[in-house]
Amino acid sequence: MDNDFEITFFSDSKYEEITVEISYGGQILCQLKKVRGPYNIEIEFFQTPKF
């Protein structure tokens, strides 16, 4: 099965896995950020072309 979804964990060097980026087919769909703590996650959605 071919899966075009990709989940990438990244962060500033002083934090651990503070941001998660979810993409599909090379297009970023959203980012989840726990800058304000693990119980206050921010989600930023990006406009993507229609598939």
Protein backbone atom coordinates (compact mmCIF):
# COMPACT_ATOMS: atom_id res chain seq x y z
CA MET A 1 0.00 0.00 0.00
CA ASP A 2 1.40 3.40 -1.00
CA ASN A 3 0.99 5.99 1.76
CA ASP A 4 1.69 9.61 0.85
CA PHE A 5 1.21 10.91 4.42
CA GLU A 6 4.33 12.00 6.29
CA ILE A 7 4.68 13.03 9.94
CA THR A 8 7.81 14.95 10.90
CA PHE A 9 8.88 15.82 14.46
CA PHE A 10 11.20 18.78 14.91
CA SER A 11 12.10 21.50 17.39
CA ASP A 12 14.51 24.16 18.47
CA SER A 13 17.69 22.68 19.95
CA LYS A 14 16.58 23.48 23.52
CA TYR A 15 13.22 21.66 23.20
CA GLU A 16 12.30 18.07 22.41
CA GLU A 17 9.73 17.31 19.68
CA ILE A 18 7.90 20.58 20.22
CA THR A 19 6.45 20.72 16.68
CA VAL A 20 4.86 18.08 14.47
CA GLU A 21 4.29 18.67 10.76
CA ILE A 22 1.77 16.58 8.84
CA SER A 23 1.99 16.50 5.06
CA TYR A 24 0.39 14.59 2.22
CA GLY A 25 1.97 14.16 -1.18
CA GLY A 26 4.69 16.68 -0.35
CA GLN A 27 2.18 19.39 0.67
CA ILE A 28 2.12 20.56 4.29
CA LEU A 29 -1.38 20.15 5.74
CA CYS A 30 -0.83 21.38 9.30
CA GLN A 31 1.58 21.89 12.17
CA LEU A 32 0.91 21.02 15.79
CA LYS A 33 2.91 23.03 18.31
CA LYS A 34 3.17 22.53 22.05
CA VAL A 35 4.97 25.80 22.77
CA ARG A 36 2.55 26.59 25.62
CA GLY A 37 2.78 23.15 27.19
CA PRO A 38 1.62 19.59 26.42
CA TYR A 39 -2.02 20.36 27.31
CA ASN A 40 -2.32 23.52 25.21
CA ILE A 41 -1.40 22.38 21.68
CA GLU A 42 -1.79 24.91 18.86
CA ILE A 43 -2.79 23.68 15.40
CA GLU A 44 -1.98 25.71 12.30
CA PHE A 45 -3.66 24.61 9.07
CA PHE A 46 -2.21 25.46 5.67
CA GLN A 47 -4.21 25.97 2.51
CA THR A 48 -3.46 23.17 0.07
CA PRO A 49 -4.48 22.56 -3.51
CA LYS A 50 -7.44 20.22 -4.04
CA PHE A 51 -6.45 16.63 -4.68
